[in-house]
């Protein structure tokens, strides 16, 4: 699966980067992934669409709040107002109430019960990423959290995502599944070996042809390799940081689509 026209409720459907330097971030990701991207207008926060084969796959924009630069995961919903009401009841902190984004769609931002920021997207003209699971595009979203039980309960109550436990080395991993059983995201418990300053967060994974080459290129472009390329069951991955401090992962998938 690579070309997308709609997303089921609860499915990660879009990502964007809020950065301290849009022009520098554009240059970095263009060089790393080969994106076609031009800076957006100032009145829209320089919201800049990244394109692959004519389809939007991500965006880069001005940071809305000072602090950590990060990639935001958006979960699809047919009714963002109803979803935010469920999230509030389930213990979330609403960071941005539902709002219309012109004719593109309707969105909201919350912090889940573990404090990890996540956005909800009700599609209008913009359905989400037009291509996924191919080089240079989003292929997986993963909640890294210390609040495992709370988060599993929260995303089931809010987005209808059931957490299915599976073994991962000496630890646990959870696949977040739609009601029909299709896996659409993951949850990785943050263990004691993680630095205490790392907050609970959603990690984004980009598919690449060669994880080692992507990690080396990231370093050449002024980024950092936080975790060297490593083999895991889905493929070979690395955790990287862009020059402005935004964390992301790249993976050379063994199977073309991690949701299959």
C-alpha atoms as a PDB file:
ATOM      1  CA  UNK A   1       0.000   0.000   0.000  1.00  0.00           C
ATOM      2  CA  UNK A   2       1.450   3.378  -0.930  1.00  0.00           C
ATOM      3  CA  UNK A   3      -1.198   5.742  -2.295  1.00  0.00           C
ATOM      4  CA  UNK A   4      -3.881   6.874   0.151  1.00  0.00           C
ATOM      5  CA  UNK A   5      -7.184   8.690  -0.340  1.00  0.00           C
ATOM      6  CA  UNK A   6      -8.850   8.193   3.086  1.00  0.00           C
ATOM      7  CA  UNK A   7      -8.043   7.020   6.596  1.00  0.00           C
ATOM      8  CA  UNK A   8     -10.114   5.074   9.106  1.00  0.00           C
ATOM      9  CA  UNK A   9     -10.820   6.505  12.546  1.00  0.00           C
ATOM     10  CA  UNK A  10      -7.790   6.109  14.809  1.00  0.00           C
ATOM     11  CA  UNK A  11      -5.271   5.685  11.995  1.00  0.00           C
ATOM     12  CA  UNK A  12      -2.228   7.962  11.930  1.00  0.00           C
ATOM     13  CA  UNK A  13      -2.893  10.070   8.854  1.00  0.00           C
ATOM     14  CA  UNK A  14      -0.532  13.044   8.878  1.00  0.00           C
ATOM     15  CA  UNK A  15       2.656  14.405  10.405  1.00  0.00           C
ATOM     16  CA  UNK A  16       4.192  17.836  10.595  1.00  0.00           C
ATOM     17  CA  UNK A  17       7.320  19.324  12.110  1.00  0.00           C
ATOM     18  CA  UNK A  18       7.210  22.468  14.226  1.00  0.00           C
ATOM     19  CA  UNK A  19      10.713  23.863  13.981  1.00  0.00           C
ATOM     20  CA  UNK A  20      12.753  26.855  15.057  1.00  0.00           C
ATOM     21  CA  UNK A  21      14.160  27.337  11.539  1.00  0.00           C
ATOM     22  CA  UNK A  22      11.839  26.407   8.660  1.00  0.00           C
ATOM     23  CA  UNK A  23      14.252  27.193   5.833  1.00  0.00           C
ATOM     24  CA  UNK A  24      17.068  25.153   7.413  1.00  0.00           C
ATOM     25  CA  UNK A  25      14.699  22.246   8.117  1.00  0.00           C
ATOM     26  CA  UNK A  26      13.441  22.307   4.538  1.00  0.00           C
ATOM     27  CA  UNK A  27      17.009  22.146   3.231  1.00  0.00           C
ATOM     28  CA  UNK A  28      17.873  19.250   5.568  1.00  0.00           C
ATOM     29  CA  UNK A  29      14.867  17.059   4.746  1.00  0.00           C
ATOM     30  CA  UNK A  30      15.025  17.804   1.031  1.00  0.00           C
ATOM     31  CA  UNK A  31      18.612  16.580   1.010  1.00  0.00           C
ATOM     32  CA  UNK A  32      17.863  13.557   3.201  1.00  0.00           C
ATOM     33  CA  UNK A  33      14.632  12.307   1.604  1.00  0.00           C
ATOM     34  CA  UNK A  34      14.567  14.015  -1.787  1.00  0.00           C
ATOM     35  CA  UNK A  35      11.346  15.849  -0.972  1.00  0.00           C
ATOM     36  CA  UNK A  36       9.954  18.506  -3.269  1.00  0.00           C
ATOM     37  CA  UNK A  37       9.104  21.361  -0.920  1.00  0.00           C
ATOM     38  CA  UNK A  38       8.817  25.138  -0.989  1.00  0.00           C
ATOM     39  CA  UNK A  39       8.367  27.395   2.023  1.00  0.00           C
ATOM     40  CA  UNK A  40       4.757  28.343   2.732  1.00  0.00           C
ATOM     41  CA  UNK A  41       3.503  31.894   3.336  1.00  0.00           C
ATOM     42  CA  UNK A  42       4.353  33.751   6.547  1.00  0.00           C
ATOM     43  CA  UNK A  43       0.684  34.365   7.342  1.00  0.00           C
ATOM     44  CA  UNK A  44       0.206  30.581   7.564  1.00  0.00           C
ATOM     45  CA  UNK A  45       3.226  30.040   9.800  1.00  0.00           C
ATOM     46  CA  UNK A  46       5.369  29.125   6.767  1.00  0.00           C
ATOM     47  CA  UNK A  47       3.409  25.854   6.585  1.00  0.00           C
ATOM     48  CA  UNK A  48       5.339  24.017   3.876  1.00  0.00           C
ATOM     49  CA  UNK A  49       4.091  20.851   2.186  1.00  0.00           C
ATOM     50  CA  UNK A  50       6.595  18.089   1.391  1.00  0.00           C
ATOM     51  CA  UNK A  51       5.753  16.252  -1.814  1.00  0.00           C
ATOM     52  CA  UNK A  52       6.695  12.847  -3.249  1.00  0.00           C
ATOM     53  CA  UNK A  53       5.562  12.109  -6.805  1.00  0.00           C
ATOM     54  CA  UNK A  54       3.060  14.956  -6.610  1.00  0.00           C
ATOM     55  CA  UNK A  55       1.463  13.775  -3.341  1.00  0.00           C
ATOM     56  CA  UNK A  56       1.797  15.526   0.015  1.00  0.00           C
ATOM     57  CA  UNK A  57       3.555  13.337   2.587  1.00  0.00           C
ATOM     58  CA  UNK A  58       4.409  15.683   5.489  1.00  0.00           C
ATOM     59  CA  UNK A  59       4.780  19.354   6.368  1.00  0.00           C
ATOM     60  CA  UNK A  60       7.272  21.677   8.035  1.00  0.00           C
ATOM     61  CA  UNK A  61       6.203  24.894   9.768  1.00  0.00           C
ATOM     62  CA  UNK A  62       7.106  27.465  12.401  1.00  0.00           C
ATOM     63  CA  UNK A  63       7.237  26.188  15.943  1.00  0.00           C
ATOM     64  CA  UNK A  64       4.067  27.259  17.766  1.00  0.00           C
ATOM     65  CA  UNK A  65       5.544  27.083  21.265  1.00  0.00           C
ATOM     66  CA  UNK A  66       9.126  27.489  22.476  1.00  0.00           C
ATOM     67  CA  UNK A  67      10.933  24.374  23.599  1.00  0.00           C
ATOM     68  CA  UNK A  68      11.517  20.997  22.001  1.00  0.00           C
ATOM     69  CA  UNK A  69      11.324  20.719  18.213  1.00  0.00           C
ATOM     70  CA  UNK A  70       9.252  17.651  17.365  1.00  0.00           C
ATOM     71  CA  UNK A  71       7.249  15.810  14.745  1.00  0.00           C
ATOM     72  CA  UNK A  72       3.509  15.728  15.498  1.00  0.00           C
ATOM     73  CA  UNK A  73       1.382  12.657  14.794  1.00  0.00           C
ATOM     74  CA  UNK A  74      -2.238  13.226  13.702  1.00  0.00           C
ATOM     75  CA  UNK A  75      -4.869  10.538  14.216  1.00  0.00           C
ATOM     76  CA  UNK A  76      -7.813  10.480  11.816  1.00  0.00           C
ATOM     77  CA  UNK A  77     -11.328  11.030  13.126  1.00  0.00           C
ATOM     78  CA  UNK A  78     -14.724  11.527  11.519  1.00  0.00           C
ATOM     79  CA  UNK A  79     -15.739  13.947  14.293  1.00  0.00           C
ATOM     80  CA  UNK A  80     -12.950  15.844  16.024  1.00  0.00           C
ATOM     81  CA  UNK A  81     -15.281  17.539  18.502  1.00  0.00           C
ATOM     82  CA  UNK A  82     -16.669  14.220  19.696  1.00  0.00           C
ATOM     83  CA  UNK A  83     -13.181  12.725  19.878  1.00  0.00           C
ATOM     84  CA  UNK A  84     -11.882  15.615  21.969  1.00  0.00           C
ATOM     85  CA  UNK A  85     -14.868  15.238  24.303  1.00  0.00           C
ATOM     86  CA  UNK A  86     -13.945  11.556  24.771  1.00  0.00           C
ATOM     87  CA  UNK A  87     -10.302  12.486  25.282  1.00  0.00           C
ATOM     88  CA  UNK A  88     -11.185  15.037  27.955  1.00  0.00           C
ATOM     89  CA  UNK A  89     -13.379  12.497  29.764  1.00  0.00           C
ATOM     90  CA  UNK A  90     -10.527   9.961  29.563  1.00  0.00           C
ATOM     91  CA  UNK A  91      -8.132  12.367  31.278  1.00  0.00           C
ATOM     92  CA  UNK A  92      -6.425  14.250  28.457  1.00  0.00           C
ATOM     93  CA  UNK A  93      -5.331  17.864  28.635  1.00  0.00           C
ATOM     94  CA  UNK A  94      -6.702  19.803  25.660  1.00  0.00           C
ATOM     95  CA  UNK A  95      -3.888  21.974  24.304  1.00  0.00           C
ATOM     96  CA  UNK A  96      -5.868  23.373  21.365  1.00  0.00           C
ATOM     97  CA  UNK A  97      -9.627  23.168  21.105  1.00  0.00           C
ATOM     98  CA  UNK A  98     -11.143  21.947  17.811  1.00  0.00           C
ATOM     99  CA  UNK A  99     -10.692  24.523  15.065  1.00  0.00           C
ATOM    100  CA  UNK A 100     -11.245  24.743  11.327  1.00  0.00           C
ATOM    101  CA  UNK A 101      -8.183  24.975   9.099  1.00  0.00           C
ATOM    102  CA  UNK A 102      -9.874  26.819   6.242  1.00  0.00           C
ATOM    103  CA  UNK A 103     -11.368  24.131   3.972  1.00  0.00           C
ATOM    104  CA  UNK A 104      -8.544  21.653   4.579  1.00  0.00           C
ATOM    105  CA  UNK A 105     -10.103  20.076   7.665  1.00  0.00           C
ATOM    106  CA  UNK A 106     -10.708  20.454  11.380  1.00  0.00           C
ATOM    107  CA  UNK A 107      -8.104  19.717  14.052  1.00  0.00           C
ATOM    108  CA  UNK A 108      -7.365  19.676  17.764  1.00  0.00           C
ATOM    109  CA  UNK A 109      -4.281  19.049  19.897  1.00  0.00           C
ATOM    110  CA  UNK A 110      -4.241  17.220  23.212  1.00  0.00           C
ATOM    111  CA  UNK A 111      -1.765  15.760  25.663  1.00  0.00           C
ATOM    112  CA  UNK A 112      -2.728  12.174  26.445  1.00  0.00           C
ATOM    113  CA  UNK A 113      -2.868  10.741  29.979  1.00  0.00           C
ATOM    114  CA  UNK A 114       0.900  10.233  29.906  1.00  0.00           C
ATOM    115  CA  UNK A 115       1.523  13.791  28.719  1.00  0.00           C
ATOM    116  CA  UNK A 116       2.441  12.899  25.119  1.00  0.00           C
ATOM    117  CA  UNK A 117       1.123  15.476  22.615  1.00  0.00           C
ATOM    118  CA  UNK A 118      -0.979  14.145  19.742  1.00  0.00           C
ATOM    119  CA  UNK A 119      -3.326  15.783  17.252  1.00  0.00           C
ATOM    120  CA  UNK A 120      -6.645  14.699  15.767  1.00  0.00           C
ATOM    121  CA  UNK A 121      -7.577  15.424  12.155  1.00  0.00           C
ATOM    122  CA  UNK A 122     -11.057  15.514  10.619  1.00  0.00           C
ATOM    123  CA  UNK A 123     -10.442  15.583   6.890  1.00  0.00           C
ATOM    124  CA  UNK A 124     -11.852  18.210   4.566  1.00  0.00           C
ATOM    125  CA  UNK A 125     -10.012  18.944   1.344  1.00  0.00           C
ATOM    126  CA  UNK A 126      -6.832  17.540   2.891  1.00  0.00           C
ATOM    127  CA  UNK A 127      -7.233  13.813   3.551  1.00  0.00           C
ATOM    128  CA  UNK A 128      -3.760  13.288   5.039  1.00  0.00           C
ATOM    129  CA  UNK A 129      -0.556  11.849   3.612  1.00  0.00           C
ATOM    130  CA  UNK A 130      -1.106  10.949  -0.038  1.00  0.00           C
ATOM    131  CA  UNK A 131       1.656   8.339  -0.061  1.00  0.00           C
ATOM    132  CA  UNK A 132       2.946   6.096   2.728  1.00  0.00           C
ATOM    133  CA  UNK A 133       5.156   3.033   3.234  1.00  0.00           C
ATOM    134  CA  UNK A 134       7.623   3.850   0.471  1.00  0.00           C
ATOM    135  CA  UNK A 135      11.032   5.566   0.592  1.00  0.00           C
ATOM    136  CA  UNK A 136      10.809   9.123   1.874  1.00  0.00           C
ATOM    137  CA  UNK A 137       7.318   8.717   3.338  1.00  0.00           C
ATOM    138  CA  UNK A 138       5.748   7.885   6.680  1.00  0.00           C
ATOM    139  CA  UNK A 139       5.573   4.174   7.436  1.00  0.00           C
ATOM    140  CA  UNK A 140       4.939   3.873  11.191  1.00  0.00           C
ATOM    141  CA  UNK A 141       3.943   5.895  14.256  1.00  0.00           C
ATOM    142  CA  UNK A 142       4.851   4.756  17.741  1.00  0.00           C
ATOM    143  CA  UNK A 143       3.971   6.060  21.180  1.00  0.00           C
ATOM    144  CA  UNK A 144       7.001   5.882  23.491  1.00  0.00           C
ATOM    145  CA  UNK A 145       5.661   6.164  27.028  1.00  0.00           C
ATOM    146  CA  UNK A 146       6.146   5.335  30.692  1.00  0.00           C
ATOM    147  CA  UNK A 147       2.364   5.454  31.222  1.00  0.00           C
ATOM    148  CA  UNK A 148       1.677   2.143  29.493  1.00  0.00           C
ATOM    149  CA  UNK A 149      -1.576   0.992  31.116  1.00  0.00           C
ATOM    150  CA  UNK A 150      -3.013   4.506  31.168  1.00  0.00           C
ATOM    151  CA  UNK A 151      -2.145   5.067  27.508  1.00  0.00           C
ATOM    152  CA  UNK A 152      -3.579   1.745  26.354  1.00  0.00           C
ATOM    153  CA  UNK A 153      -6.861   2.549  28.092  1.00  0.00           C
ATOM    154  CA  UNK A 154      -6.840   6.111  26.785  1.00  0.00           C
ATOM    155  CA  UNK A 155      -6.382   5.301  23.103  1.00  0.00           C
ATOM    156  CA  UNK A 156      -8.971   2.528  23.218  1.00  0.00           C
ATOM    157  CA  UNK A 157     -11.526   4.871  24.783  1.00  0.00           C
ATOM    158  CA  UNK A 158     -10.664   7.822  22.569  1.00  0.00           C
ATOM    159  CA  UNK A 159      -9.642   6.399  19.185  1.00  0.00           C
ATOM    160  CA  UNK A 160     -10.897   2.819  19.325  1.00  0.00           C
ATOM    161  CA  UNK A 161      -7.360   1.404  19.231  1.00  0.00           C
ATOM    162  CA  UNK A 162      -6.852  -1.930  20.995  1.00  0.00           C
ATOM    163  CA  UNK A 163      -3.358  -2.686  22.302  1.00  0.00           C
ATOM    164  CA  UNK A 164      -2.140  -6.188  21.502  1.00  0.00           C
ATOM    165  CA  UNK A 165       0.896  -7.203  23.572  1.00  0.00           C
ATOM    166  CA  UNK A 166       3.837  -8.913  21.928  1.00  0.00           C
ATOM    167  CA  UNK A 167       7.348  -9.814  23.089  1.00  0.00           C
ATOM    168  CA  UNK A 168      10.225  -7.649  21.905  1.00  0.00           C
ATOM    169  CA  UNK A 169      13.561  -8.999  23.065  1.00  0.00           C
ATOM    170  CA  UNK A 170      13.531  -8.877  26.857  1.00  0.00           C
ATOM    171  CA  UNK A 171      10.659  -6.413  26.962  1.00  0.00           C
ATOM    172  CA  UNK A 172       7.152  -5.798  25.741  1.00  0.00           C
ATOM    173  CA  UNK A 173       5.739  -4.037  22.718  1.00  0.00           C
ATOM    174  CA  UNK A 174       2.109  -3.273  21.875  1.00  0.00           C
ATOM    175  CA  UNK A 175       0.521  -3.079  18.462  1.00  0.00           C
ATOM    176  CA  UNK A 176      -2.346  -0.588  18.373  1.00  0.00           C
ATOM    177  CA  UNK A 177      -5.085  -2.152  16.267  1.00  0.00           C
ATOM    178  CA  UNK A 178      -8.332  -0.963  14.716  1.00  0.00           C
ATOM    179  CA  UNK A 179     -11.524  -2.799  15.736  1.00  0.00           C
ATOM    180  CA  UNK A 180     -11.114  -5.090  12.722  1.00  0.00           C
ATOM    181  CA  UNK A 181      -7.630  -6.124  13.869  1.00  0.00           C
ATOM    182  CA  UNK A 182      -5.494  -4.118  11.432  1.00  0.00           C
ATOM    183  CA  UNK A 183      -2.397  -2.769  13.155  1.00  0.00           C
ATOM    184  CA  UNK A 184      -1.886   0.925  12.537  1.00  0.00           C
ATOM    185  CA  UNK A 185       0.572   2.086  15.222  1.00  0.00           C
ATOM    186  CA  UNK A 186       2.711   0.881  18.093  1.00  0.00           C
ATOM    187  CA  UNK A 187       3.354   1.540  21.764  1.00  0.00           C
ATOM    188  CA  UNK A 188       6.857   1.084  23.169  1.00  0.00           C
ATOM    189  CA  UNK A 189       7.230   1.199  26.969  1.00  0.00           C
ATOM    190  CA  UNK A 190      10.017   3.566  28.056  1.00  0.00           C
ATOM    191  CA  UNK A 191      12.306   1.541  30.304  1.00  0.00           C
ATOM    192  CA  UNK A 192      14.677   2.446  33.112  1.00  0.00           C
ATOM    193  CA  UNK A 193      17.586   2.557  30.665  1.00  0.00           C
ATOM    194  CA  UNK A 194      16.091   5.608  28.892  1.00  0.00           C
ATOM    195  CA  UNK A 195      17.389   9.042  29.904  1.00  0.00           C
ATOM    196  CA  UNK A 196      15.061  10.583  32.475  1.00  0.00           C
ATOM    197  CA  UNK A 197      14.829  13.818  30.488  1.00  0.00           C
ATOM    198  CA  UNK A 198      13.191  12.059  27.503  1.00  0.00           C
ATOM    199  CA  UNK A 199       9.458  12.878  27.698  1.00  0.00           C
ATOM    200  CA  UNK A 200       6.643  10.575  26.663  1.00  0.00           C
ATOM    201  CA  UNK A 201       6.195  11.204  22.941  1.00  0.00           C
ATOM    202  CA  UNK A 202       5.021   9.932  19.578  1.00  0.00           C
ATOM    203  CA  UNK A 203       7.875   8.832  17.298  1.00  0.00           C
ATOM    204  CA  UNK A 204       7.547   8.936  13.500  1.00  0.00           C
ATOM    205  CA  UNK A 205       9.278   6.448  11.189  1.00  0.00           C
ATOM    206  CA  UNK A 206      10.197   7.164   7.573  1.00  0.00           C
ATOM    207  CA  UNK A 207      10.823   4.360   5.113  1.00  0.00           C
ATOM    208  CA  UNK A 208      14.221   4.398   3.390  1.00  0.00           C
ATOM    209  CA  UNK A 209      16.070   2.193   0.931  1.00  0.00           C
ATOM    210  CA  UNK A 210      19.142   1.938   3.192  1.00  0.00           C
ATOM    211  CA  UNK A 211      19.091   2.776   6.911  1.00  0.00           C
ATOM    212  CA  UNK A 212      22.879   2.907   7.165  1.00  0.00           C
ATOM    213  CA  UNK A 213      23.153   5.316   4.255  1.00  0.00           C
ATOM    214  CA  UNK A 214      20.348   7.486   5.657  1.00  0.00           C
ATOM    215  CA  UNK A 215      22.051   7.682   9.063  1.00  0.00           C
ATOM    216  CA  UNK A 216      25.371   8.610   7.464  1.00  0.00           C
ATOM    217  CA  UNK A 217      23.699  11.246   5.298  1.00  0.00           C
ATOM    218  CA  UNK A 218      21.911  12.708   8.334  1.00  0.00           C
ATOM    219  CA  UNK A 219      25.263  13.207  10.058  1.00  0.00           C
ATOM    220  CA  UNK A 220      26.760  14.761   6.917  1.00  0.00           C
ATOM    221  CA  UNK A 221      23.896  17.262   6.848  1.00  0.00           C
ATOM    222  CA  UNK A 222      24.479  18.379  10.432  1.00  0.00           C
ATOM    223  CA  UNK A 223      22.086  16.036  12.231  1.00  0.00           C
ATOM    224  CA  UNK A 224      22.938  13.398  14.809  1.00  0.00           C
ATOM    225  CA  UNK A 225      22.619   9.623  14.995  1.00  0.00           C
ATOM    226  CA  UNK A 226      20.972   8.905  18.357  1.00  0.00           C
ATOM    227  CA  UNK A 227      20.785   5.145  17.782  1.00  0.00           C
ATOM    228  CA  UNK A 228      23.004   3.520  15.189  1.00  0.00           C
ATOM    229  CA  UNK A 229      21.372   1.324  12.546  1.00  0.00           C
ATOM    230  CA  UNK A 230      20.067  -1.817  14.238  1.00  0.00           C
ATOM    231  CA  UNK A 231      18.219  -4.894  13.032  1.00  0.00           C
ATOM    232  CA  UNK A 232      14.734  -5.484  14.462  1.00  0.00           C
ATOM    233  CA  UNK A 233      11.999  -7.865  13.222  1.00  0.00           C
ATOM    234  CA  UNK A 234      10.362  -5.340  10.805  1.00  0.00           C
ATOM    235  CA  UNK A 235      13.697  -4.291   9.281  1.00  0.00           C
ATOM    236  CA  UNK A 236      16.805  -2.221   9.956  1.00  0.00           C
ATOM    237  CA  UNK A 237      16.245   1.114  11.694  1.00  0.00           C
ATOM    238  CA  UNK A 238      18.036   4.097  13.204  1.00  0.00           C
ATOM    239  CA  UNK A 239      16.985   6.977  15.446  1.00  0.00           C
ATOM    240  CA  UNK A 240      18.145  10.356  14.170  1.00  0.00           C
ATOM    241  CA  UNK A 241      17.949  14.030  15.131  1.00  0.00           C
ATOM    242  CA  UNK A 242      17.781  16.903  12.681  1.00  0.00           C
ATOM    243  CA  UNK A 243      19.998  20.002  13.172  1.00  0.00           C
ATOM    244  CA  UNK A 244      17.199  21.826  15.038  1.00  0.00           C
ATOM    245  CA  UNK A 245      16.720  18.928  17.486  1.00  0.00           C
ATOM    246  CA  UNK A 246      13.723  17.124  15.996  1.00  0.00           C
ATOM    247  CA  UNK A 247      13.845  13.364  16.607  1.00  0.00           C
ATOM    248  CA  UNK A 248      12.682  10.841  14.013  1.00  0.00           C
ATOM    249  CA  UNK A 249      13.432   7.299  12.894  1.00  0.00           C
ATOM    250  CA  UNK A 250      14.238   5.732   9.549  1.00  0.00           C
ATOM    251  CA  UNK A 251      13.734   2.095   8.653  1.00  0.00           C
ATOM    252  CA  UNK A 252      14.502  -0.211   5.759  1.00  0.00           C
ATOM    253  CA  UNK A 253      11.462  -2.461   5.918  1.00  0.00           C
ATOM    254  CA  UNK A 254      11.725  -6.188   5.310  1.00  0.00           C
ATOM    255  CA  UNK A 255       8.054  -6.215   4.264  1.00  0.00           C
ATOM    256  CA  UNK A 256       6.808  -3.340   2.111  1.00  0.00           C
ATOM    257  CA  UNK A 257       4.001  -2.462   4.514  1.00  0.00           C
ATOM    258  CA  UNK A 258       4.196  -2.877   8.329  1.00  0.00           C
ATOM    259  CA  UNK A 259       0.404  -2.925   8.571  1.00  0.00           C
ATOM    260  CA  UNK A 260       0.028  -6.031   6.404  1.00  0.00           C
END
